[in-house]
Amino acid sequence: MKSDRTAVSPAEPPRITPVSARFRAMQHRNFQLFIAGQLTSLIGTWMQTTAQLWLVYKLTGSAALLGVFGFASQVPMLFLSSLGGYVGDHYDRQRGVIATQIASMILAFLLAVLTLTHLIKVWELIVIAFLVGIVNAFDVPIRQAFLVQMVGKEDLPNAIALNSSIFNGARVVGPAIAGFAIAWVGEGWCFFLNGLSFVAVIVALLMMRIERREIKPSTDSPLQSLAQGFRFAMNDVAVRSTLLLLSVLSLFGLQYSVFMPIYAQDILKGNARTLGLLMSSAGVGAVLGALQFAARTHYRGLARWIATTATTCAVCLIIFSQAKTFWLCVMVLFVVGFAATSQMAATNTLIQNRVPDELRSRVMAVYATMFMGVQPIGALLAGGMAKRIGAPNTLTVFGSLVLVGSLVFIGRVVMKLGNTQAATAD
């Protein structure tokens, strides 16, 4: 594809400093537009997520229903992301992302109207969360595959890391704003502001100049086409192993966020501001983790890095599970955010570097299924276990399972196959 980067004279090759290496994907105009729109939209999304969790717990006081809410918002990814990947490989990805953003905007405004008019019920929160999950099942694989059309394969790892930085930067700002907004004006205005925020990303997508890729006609049925992405992922030992470890992290490790309202209100004796600060501390760590990964200019050592970050995340989750003081929770969540995000960025980079472009959306749909698709199962498990043994003990068990998965990965992948073989691109 044609690059939209500023031309550089062959006689004077660009000098790559650590700073410019960390932000090299920003040389692309299309990616600049994407990041600007995404930052605004994602802040709104995190505001809505925080406000929804708080509203569910305020209306019900039930840890189990927090699990049901998490299940409803993410279960569509388990069943529909493959269909989203099929759409991304067979139709225009730019138009696909625009369509998903418009749908998300409509749902945010609907949630705002129901809440501001005091008509909102728990079942309506769960239904809207389910509909948002359906939209995300199409959006995630299409948007992940769309990145390569914005920056090209050379700068793709950096684009993935910077996109993760923006996502987690919004994760810092959004919950903090939501915490104060809930206390001052209520949850409904958080939902309304999220609806407005989608305008920015829609405008940015419309302003992009994307060279149309050739979409090869397929003689396979949709079911056969979907299976191609899964076969590729499972037949590639590096892709399969890192995806399985990511699934363990998603199924168990990332469930700590479901319990944030319980920790904020019941364990730490705080309020909505406490919730926002806890979620923001993990977000700050996640931003730094993504920026640290963005400085990488090669693919060597990815498997070893994935193993290290997964192990670190597991140990910190076990510590957090039994923490009783606010500042200890903040510090440990910072490390959890750093390690988990760095692991996710490394996994995404390894997969995208190995997959052929004609299968990219479908393989990223497998990534989305094994990453986000298993989260609703984990949310139900977390809610059910917390009802019986409490949130802290549930997180202790989950953190221990992530630690076991990390050690298995080290023994069977890093040590057996060798770090270079597991991580090389070709």
Protein backbone atom coordinates (compact mmCIF):
# COMPACT_ATOMS: atom_id res chain seq x y z
CA MET A 1 0.00 0.00 0.00
CA LYS A 2 1.07 3.61 -0.42
CA SER A 3 2.52 5.13 2.69
CA ASP A 4 1.19 8.47 3.88
CA ARG A 5 4.41 9.22 5.76
CA THR A 6 6.48 12.27 4.96
CA ALA A 7 9.13 11.41 2.37
CA VAL A 8 12.76 11.21 3.51
CA SER A 9 15.72 11.59 1.20
CA PRO A 10 17.48 8.26 0.54
CA ALA A 11 20.80 10.05 1.03
CA GLU A 12 19.82 11.06 4.54
CA PRO A 13 18.13 8.11 6.31
CA PRO A 14 16.02 9.12 9.29
CA ARG A 15 17.73 8.97 12.65
CA ILE A 16 15.63 6.78 14.94
CA THR A 17 15.90 8.01 18.52
CA PRO A 18 14.28 6.15 21.42
CA VAL A 19 11.47 8.71 21.45
CA SER A 20 10.84 8.63 17.71
CA ALA A 21 10.99 4.83 17.74
CA ARG A 22 8.34 4.74 20.44
CA PHE A 23 5.97 6.91 18.36
CA ARG A 24 6.99 6.01 14.80
CA ALA A 25 3.46 4.94 13.75
CA MET A 26 2.34 8.54 14.37
CA GLN A 27 4.12 9.52 11.15
CA HIS A 28 1.06 8.19 9.30
CA ARG A 29 -1.74 10.73 8.81
CA ASN A 30 -4.45 8.09 8.95
CA PHE A 31 -3.14 6.79 12.26
CA GLN A 32 -2.98 10.32 13.67
CA LEU A 33 -6.67 10.77 12.88
CA PHE A 34 -7.50 7.37 14.32
CA ILE A 35 -5.67 8.04 17.61
CA ALA A 36 -7.26 11.48 18.05
CA GLY A 37 -10.76 10.08 17.56
CA GLN A 38 -10.11 6.97 19.63
CA LEU A 39 -8.81 8.89 22.63
CA THR A 40 -11.98 10.98 22.90
CA SER A 41 -14.29 8.04 22.29
CA LEU A 42 -12.54 5.66 24.67
CA ILE A 43 -12.61 8.14 27.55
CA GLY A 44 -16.37 8.18 27.11
CA THR A 45 -16.49 4.38 26.91
CA TRP A 46 -14.60 3.98 30.19
CA MET A 47 -16.86 6.57 31.82
CA GLN A 48 -19.87 4.51 30.75
CA THR A 49 -18.32 1.22 31.90
CA THR A 50 -17.54 2.61 35.35
CA ALA A 51 -20.97 4.21 35.71
CA GLN A 52 -22.72 1.00 34.64
CA LEU A 53 -20.85 -1.11 37.20
CA TRP A 54 -21.63 1.40 39.93
CA LEU A 55 -25.30 1.64 38.94
CA VAL A 56 -25.75 -2.14 38.88
CA TYR A 57 -24.25 -2.49 42.35
CA LYS A 58 -26.19 0.53 43.68
CA LEU A 59 -29.50 -0.88 42.43
CA THR A 60 -28.90 -4.46 43.59
CA GLY A 61 -26.00 -4.70 46.06
CA SER A 62 -25.31 -8.10 44.48
CA ALA A 63 -21.88 -9.48 43.53
CA ALA A 64 -23.64 -12.20 41.52
CA LEU A 65 -25.44 -9.62 39.39
CA LEU A 66 -22.15 -7.85 38.72
CA GLY A 67 -21.05 -11.19 37.28
CA VAL A 68 -24.25 -11.48 35.23
CA PHE A 69 -23.71 -7.95 33.90
CA GLY A 70 -20.13 -8.81 32.89
CA PHE A 71 -21.36 -12.00 31.23
CA ALA A 72 -24.05 -10.19 29.23
CA SER A 73 -21.66 -7.51 27.99
CA GLN A 74 -19.04 -9.96 26.74
CA VAL A 75 -20.71 -13.24 25.82
CA PRO A 76 -21.51 -12.08 22.23
CA MET A 77 -17.76 -12.00 21.61
CA LEU A 78 -17.61 -15.73 22.22
CA PHE A 79 -20.17 -16.57 19.53
CA LEU A 80 -20.11 -13.68 17.05
CA SER A 81 -16.51 -12.44 16.75
CA SER A 82 -15.79 -15.08 14.08
CA LEU A 83 -18.62 -13.61 12.03
CA GLY A 84 -17.08 -10.18 12.58
CA GLY A 85 -13.77 -11.53 11.30
CA TYR A 86 -15.48 -12.92 8.21
CA VAL A 87 -17.03 -9.51 7.50
CA GLY A 88 -13.64 -7.81 7.95
CA ASP A 89 -11.91 -10.09 5.45
CA HIS A 90 -14.66 -9.96 2.81
CA TYR A 91 -15.88 -6.35 3.01
CA ASP A 92 -14.48 -2.84 3.46
CA ARG A 93 -12.95 -2.56 6.94
CA GLN A 94 -13.15 1.24 7.14
CA ARG A 95 -16.90 1.22 6.53
CA GLY A 96 -17.29 -1.66 8.97
CA VAL A 97 -15.65 0.28 11.81
CA ILE A 98 -17.77 3.37 11.04
CA ALA A 99 -20.93 1.25 11.24
CA THR A 100 -19.98 -0.22 14.63
CA GLN A 101 -19.21 3.22 16.06
CA ILE A 102 -22.58 4.58 14.96
CA ALA A 103 -24.36 1.62 16.56
CA SER A 104 -22.44 2.14 19.83
CA MET A 105 -23.34 5.82 19.84
CA ILE A 106 -27.06 5.06 19.49
CA LEU A 107 -26.95 2.58 22.39
CA ALA A 108 -25.12 5.07 24.63
CA PHE A 109 -27.78 7.73 24.02
CA LEU A 110 -30.54 5.20 24.71
CA LEU A 111 -28.92 4.29 28.03
CA ALA A 112 -28.60 8.00 28.89
CA VAL A 113 -32.28 8.71 28.17
CA LEU A 114 -33.48 5.77 30.29
CA THR A 115 -31.25 6.75 33.20
CA LEU A 116 -31.92 10.50 33.13
CA THR A 117 -35.67 9.90 33.03
CA HIS A 118 -35.36 7.48 36.00
CA LEU A 119 -36.86 4.62 33.99
CA ILE A 120 -33.75 2.45 34.07
CA LYS A 121 -34.05 -1.04 35.54
CA VAL A 122 -31.37 -3.66 36.10
CA TRP A 123 -32.70 -5.86 33.30
CA GLU A 124 -32.49 -2.90 30.90
CA LEU A 125 -28.86 -2.30 31.89
CA ILE A 126 -28.11 -5.95 31.18
CA VAL A 127 -29.95 -5.96 27.82
CA ILE A 128 -28.15 -2.82 26.62
CA ALA A 129 -24.83 -4.29 27.78
CA PHE A 130 -25.64 -7.39 25.71
CA LEU A 131 -26.38 -5.25 22.63
CA VAL A 132 -23.12 -3.34 23.08
CA GLY A 133 -21.38 -6.72 23.28
CA ILE A 134 -22.87 -7.70 19.91
CA VAL A 135 -21.52 -4.49 18.36
CA ASN A 136 -18.08 -5.11 19.88
CA ALA A 137 -18.02 -8.66 18.51
CA PHE A 138 -17.94 -7.13 15.03
CA ASP A 139 -15.89 -4.06 15.90
CA VAL A 140 -12.87 -5.67 17.58
CA PRO A 141 -11.65 -8.06 14.83
CA ILE A 142 -12.41 -5.55 12.07
CA ARG A 143 -10.67 -2.66 13.86
CA GLN A 144 -7.62 -4.74 14.81
CA ALA A 145 -7.19 -5.87 11.20
CA PHE A 146 -7.78 -2.29 9.97
CA LEU A 147 -4.62 -1.07 11.75
CA VAL A 148 -2.32 -2.56 9.10
CA GLN A 149 -4.11 -0.54 6.39
CA MET A 150 -3.33 2.65 8.30
CA VAL A 151 0.39 2.11 8.95
CA GLY A 152 1.64 -0.87 6.92
CA LYS A 153 3.23 -4.01 8.34
CA GLU A 154 6.57 -2.38 9.18
CA ASP A 155 5.06 -0.05 11.78
CA LEU A 156 2.26 -2.39 12.85
CA PRO A 157 3.82 -3.48 16.19
CA ASN A 158 4.24 0.15 17.19
CA ALA A 159 0.68 0.96 16.10
CA ILE A 160 -0.65 -1.93 18.20
CA ALA A 161 1.26 -0.72 21.26
CA LEU A 162 0.24 2.93 20.79
CA ASN A 163 -3.38 1.91 20.27
CA SER A 164 -3.15 -0.02 23.53
CA SER A 165 -1.63 3.07 25.18
CA ILE A 166 -4.57 5.17 24.07
CA PHE A 167 -7.04 2.54 25.25
CA ASN A 168 -5.44 2.42 28.66
CA GLY A 169 -4.85 6.17 28.82
CA ALA A 170 -8.60 6.52 28.49
CA ARG A 171 -8.88 3.86 31.17
CA VAL A 172 -7.03 6.25 33.49
CA VAL A 173 -9.01 9.38 32.68
CA GLY A 174 -12.47 7.89 32.06
CA PRO A 175 -13.07 6.18 35.43
CA ALA A 176 -11.61 9.15 37.33
CA ILE A 177 -13.99 11.54 35.53
CA ALA A 178 -16.85 9.09 36.01
CA GLY A 179 -16.18 8.83 39.74
CA PHE A 180 -16.60 12.58 40.21
CA ALA A 181 -19.41 12.87 37.64
CA ILE A 182 -21.45 10.14 39.35
CA ALA A 183 -21.11 11.96 42.67
CA TRP A 184 -22.00 15.37 41.19
CA VAL A 185 -24.57 14.80 38.43
CA GLY A 186 -25.32 11.06 38.33
CA GLU A 187 -24.70 8.11 36.03
CA GLY A 188 -26.99 9.31 33.22
CA TRP A 189 -24.72 12.17 32.20
CA CYS A 190 -21.76 9.76 31.95
CA PHE A 191 -23.77 7.79 29.39
CA PHE A 192 -24.75 10.96 27.51
CA LEU A 193 -21.14 12.17 27.29
CA ASN A 194 -20.10 8.77 25.99
CA GLY A 195 -22.67 9.08 23.20
CA LEU A 196 -21.23 12.48 22.23
CA SER A 197 -17.68 11.12 22.26
CA PHE A 198 -18.40 8.75 19.37
CA VAL A 199 -18.78 11.75 17.06
CA ALA A 200 -15.02 12.33 17.25
CA VAL A 201 -14.02 8.85 16.10
CA ILE A 202 -16.68 8.75 13.36
CA VAL A 203 -15.45 12.08 11.93
CA ALA A 204 -11.82 10.87 12.12
CA LEU A 205 -12.68 7.66 10.24
CA LEU A 206 -14.50 9.61 7.52
CA MET A 207 -11.46 11.89 7.04
CA MET A 208 -9.04 9.00 6.41
CA ARG A 209 -7.62 8.32 2.96
CA ILE A 210 -7.31 4.56 2.80
CA GLU A 211 -6.05 2.76 -0.28
CA ARG A 212 -8.64 0.11 -1.10
CA ARG A 213 -7.28 -3.39 -0.73
CA GLU A 214 -8.03 -6.13 -3.20
CA ILE A 215 -10.62 -8.50 -1.77
CA LYS A 216 -10.22 -11.88 -3.42
CA PRO A 217 -13.47 -13.72 -4.12
CA SER A 218 -13.80 -16.96 -2.17
CA THR A 219 -15.42 -20.19 -3.30
CA ASP A 220 -15.63 -21.44 0.28
CA SER A 221 -18.86 -21.31 2.25
CA PRO A 222 -18.99 -18.80 5.14
CA LEU A 223 -18.54 -21.66 7.61
CA GLN A 224 -15.48 -23.00 5.77
CA SER A 225 -14.09 -19.48 5.55
CA LEU A 226 -14.49 -18.94 9.29
CA ALA A 227 -12.77 -22.27 9.99
CA GLN A 228 -9.69 -21.21 8.00
CA GLY A 229 -8.78 -18.58 10.59
CA PHE A 230 -9.17 -21.03 13.46
CA ARG A 231 -7.09 -23.70 11.70
CA PHE A 232 -4.27 -21.25 11.07
CA ALA A 233 -4.23 -20.15 14.71
CA MET A 234 -4.28 -23.69 16.10
CA ASN A 235 -1.70 -25.09 13.66
CA ASP A 236 0.88 -22.40 14.44
CA VAL A 237 2.57 -23.41 17.71
CA ALA A 238 3.58 -19.87 18.70
CA VAL A 239 0.14 -18.43 18.01
CA ARG A 240 -1.67 -21.31 19.70
CA SER A 241 0.45 -21.24 22.86
CA THR A 242 0.27 -17.50 23.41
CA LEU A 243 -3.48 -17.49 22.76
CA LEU A 244 -4.06 -20.22 25.33
CA LEU A 245 -2.10 -18.28 27.96
CA LEU A 246 -4.00 -15.11 27.08
CA SER A 247 -7.25 -17.05 27.56
CA VAL A 248 -6.17 -18.04 31.07
CA LEU A 249 -5.41 -14.40 31.87
CA SER A 250 -8.76 -13.29 30.48
CA LEU A 251 -10.80 -16.08 32.08
CA PHE A 252 -9.35 -15.62 35.55
CA GLY A 253 -6.86 -12.76 35.85
CA LEU A 254 -8.88 -9.88 34.43
CA GLN A 255 -11.94 -10.61 36.56
CA TYR A 256 -10.58 -8.34 39.29
CA SER A 257 -12.35 -5.44 37.55
CA VAL A 258 -15.75 -7.05 38.21
CA PHE A 259 -15.10 -6.74 41.95
CA MET A 260 -13.94 -3.13 41.95
CA PRO A 261 -17.23 -1.77 43.35
CA ILE A 262 -17.04 -4.33 46.19
CA TYR A 263 -13.45 -3.38 47.04
CA ALA A 264 -14.21 0.35 46.82
CA GLN A 265 -17.34 0.29 48.97
CA ASP A 266 -17.18 -2.75 51.26
CA ILE A 267 -13.49 -3.57 51.77
CA LEU A 268 -11.91 -0.11 51.59
CA LYS A 269 -15.02 1.70 52.92
CA GLY A 270 -14.91 4.26 50.10
CA ASN A 271 -17.28 5.65 47.48
CA ALA A 272 -17.54 6.27 43.73
CA ARG A 273 -14.35 8.36 43.78
CA THR A 274 -12.51 5.43 45.36
CA LEU A 275 -13.76 3.21 42.54
CA GLY A 276 -12.52 5.67 39.93
CA LEU A 277 -9.07 5.91 41.54
CA LEU A 278 -8.68 2.13 41.78
CA MET A 279 -9.56 1.63 38.14
CA SER A 280 -7.35 4.55 37.13
CA SER A 281 -4.32 3.13 38.96
CA ALA A 282 -4.52 -0.02 36.84
CA GLY A 283 -4.96 2.22 33.82
CA VAL A 284 -1.80 4.23 34.56
CA GLY A 285 0.21 1.03 34.77
CA ALA A 286 -1.38 -0.18 31.54
CA VAL A 287 -0.40 3.01 29.69
CA LEU A 288 3.21 2.71 30.79
CA GLY A 289 3.23 -0.99 29.94
CA ALA A 290 2.01 -0.26 26.43
CA LEU A 291 4.48 2.61 25.94
CA GLN A 292 7.33 0.42 27.15
CA PHE A 293 6.36 -2.19 24.58
CA ALA A 294 5.97 0.47 21.87
CA ALA A 295 9.72 1.14 21.99
CA ARG A 296 10.45 -2.35 20.64
CA THR A 297 11.79 -2.37 17.09
CA HIS A 298 12.06 -6.15 16.63
CA TYR A 299 10.16 -9.37 17.29
CA ARG A 300 12.87 -11.25 19.21
CA GLY A 301 12.15 -12.37 22.75
CA LEU A 302 8.36 -12.02 22.62
CA ALA A 303 7.64 -15.44 24.13
CA ARG A 304 9.95 -14.83 27.09
CA TRP A 305 8.40 -11.39 27.63
CA ILE A 306 4.89 -12.86 27.54
CA ALA A 307 5.88 -15.43 30.17
CA THR A 308 7.47 -12.80 32.42
CA THR A 309 4.54 -10.41 32.32
CA ALA A 310 1.97 -13.17 32.85
CA THR A 311 3.83 -14.43 35.93
CA THR A 312 4.16 -10.91 37.34
CA CYS A 313 0.47 -10.24 36.82
CA ALA A 314 -0.49 -13.47 38.61
CA VAL A 315 1.64 -12.77 41.68
CA CYS A 316 0.30 -9.22 41.99
CA LEU A 317 -3.30 -10.41 41.68
CA ILE A 318 -2.75 -12.75 44.63
CA ILE A 319 -1.33 -9.86 46.68
CA PHE A 320 -4.20 -7.56 45.69
CA SER A 321 -6.81 -10.16 46.57
CA GLN A 322 -5.92 -9.99 50.27
CA ALA A 323 -5.00 -6.30 50.47
CA LYS A 324 -6.98 -4.20 52.93
CA THR A 325 -5.40 -0.76 52.56
CA PHE A 326 -6.12 1.72 49.77
CA TRP A 327 -2.54 2.59 48.81
CA LEU A 328 -1.42 -1.04 48.67
CA CYS A 329 -4.35 -1.76 46.35
CA VAL A 330 -3.38 1.21 44.17
CA MET A 331 0.27 0.15 43.87
CA VAL A 332 -0.48 -3.50 43.13
CA LEU A 333 -3.17 -2.63 40.56
CA PHE A 334 -0.60 -0.39 38.84
CA VAL A 335 1.70 -3.40 38.33
CA VAL A 336 -1.23 -5.59 37.26
CA GLY A 337 -2.18 -3.03 34.61
CA PHE A 338 1.42 -2.75 33.37
CA ALA A 339 1.98 -6.50 33.11
CA ALA A 340 -1.40 -7.49 31.66
CA THR A 341 -1.34 -4.81 28.95
CA SER A 342 2.22 -5.58 27.95
CA GLN A 343 1.32 -9.27 27.65
CA MET A 344 -1.71 -8.46 25.50
CA ALA A 345 0.30 -6.15 23.20
CA ALA A 346 3.03 -8.77 22.79
CA THR A 347 0.48 -11.48 21.96
CA ASN A 348 -1.31 -9.24 19.45
CA THR A 349 2.00 -8.30 17.81
CA LEU A 350 3.21 -11.89 17.52
CA ILE A 351 -0.05 -13.00 15.91
CA GLN A 352 -0.42 -10.09 13.48
CA ASN A 353 3.16 -10.49 12.30
CA ARG A 354 2.62 -14.16 11.44
CA VAL A 355 -0.81 -14.07 9.80
CA PRO A 356 -1.33 -13.47 6.03
CA ASP A 357 -3.46 -10.41 5.28
CA GLU A 358 -6.25 -12.40 3.60
CA LEU A 359 -6.81 -14.21 6.91
CA ARG A 360 -6.06 -11.27 9.20
CA SER A 361 -9.60 -10.39 10.35
CA ARG A 362 -10.53 -14.04 10.88
CA VAL A 363 -7.41 -14.80 12.92
CA MET A 364 -7.96 -11.62 14.93
CA ALA A 365 -11.49 -12.90 15.52
CA VAL A 366 -9.92 -16.02 17.07
CA TYR A 367 -7.78 -13.66 19.19
CA ALA A 368 -10.90 -11.72 20.23
CA THR A 369 -12.79 -14.93 21.03
CA MET A 370 -10.02 -16.39 23.17
CA PHE A 371 -9.29 -13.05 24.83
CA MET A 372 -12.62 -11.24 25.23
CA GLY A 373 -14.95 -14.15 24.47
CA VAL A 374 -13.98 -16.14 27.57
CA GLN A 375 -14.34 -13.16 29.89
CA PRO A 376 -18.11 -13.59 30.35
CA ILE A 377 -17.55 -17.16 31.50
CA GLY A 378 -15.00 -15.85 33.97
CA ALA A 379 -17.45 -13.15 35.09
CA LEU A 380 -20.12 -15.75 35.88
CA LEU A 381 -17.59 -17.91 37.71
CA ALA A 382 -16.35 -14.90 39.64
CA GLY A 383 -19.84 -13.80 40.65
CA GLY A 384 -20.89 -17.31 41.70
CA MET A 385 -17.71 -18.01 43.69
CA ALA A 386 -17.76 -14.59 45.36
CA LYS A 387 -21.27 -15.27 46.61
CA ARG A 388 -19.97 -18.40 48.39
CA ILE A 389 -16.41 -17.63 49.48
CA GLY A 390 -16.19 -13.84 49.10
CA ALA A 391 -14.48 -11.61 46.52
CA PRO A 392 -10.97 -11.67 48.11
CA ASN A 393 -10.78 -15.49 48.26
CA THR A 394 -12.16 -15.76 44.72
CA LEU A 395 -9.40 -13.48 43.41
CA THR A 396 -6.79 -15.50 45.31
CA VAL A 397 -7.94 -18.66 43.54
CA PHE A 398 -8.05 -16.91 40.16
CA GLY A 399 -4.58 -15.39 40.58
CA SER A 400 -3.19 -18.80 41.50
CA LEU A 401 -4.68 -20.33 38.33
CA VAL A 402 -3.02 -17.63 36.21
CA LEU A 403 0.28 -18.39 37.95
CA VAL A 404 -0.07 -22.10 37.13
CA GLY A 405 -0.82 -21.26 33.49
CA SER A 406 2.26 -19.01 33.32
CA LEU A 407 4.53 -21.72 34.72
CA VAL A 408 3.15 -24.29 32.26
CA PHE A 409 3.80 -21.83 29.41
CA ILE A 410 7.38 -21.34 30.58
CA GLY A 411 7.99 -25.07 30.84
CA ARG A 412 6.33 -26.19 27.61
CA VAL A 413 6.92 -23.24 25.30
CA VAL A 414 9.77 -20.98 26.36
CA MET A 415 12.05 -23.74 27.66
CA LYS A 416 11.06 -26.49 25.22
CA LEU A 417 10.75 -24.63 21.93
CA GLY A 418 13.25 -21.90 22.68
CA ASN A 419 12.44 -18.23 22.85
CA THR A 420 13.68 -17.44 19.36
CA GLN A 421 11.69 -20.18 17.65
CA ALA A 422 8.51 -19.25 19.53
CA ALA A 423 8.77 -15.57 18.74
CA THR A 424 10.31 -15.18 15.30
CA ALA A 425 8.07 -13.83 12.61
CA ASP A 426 8.92 -15.99 9.62
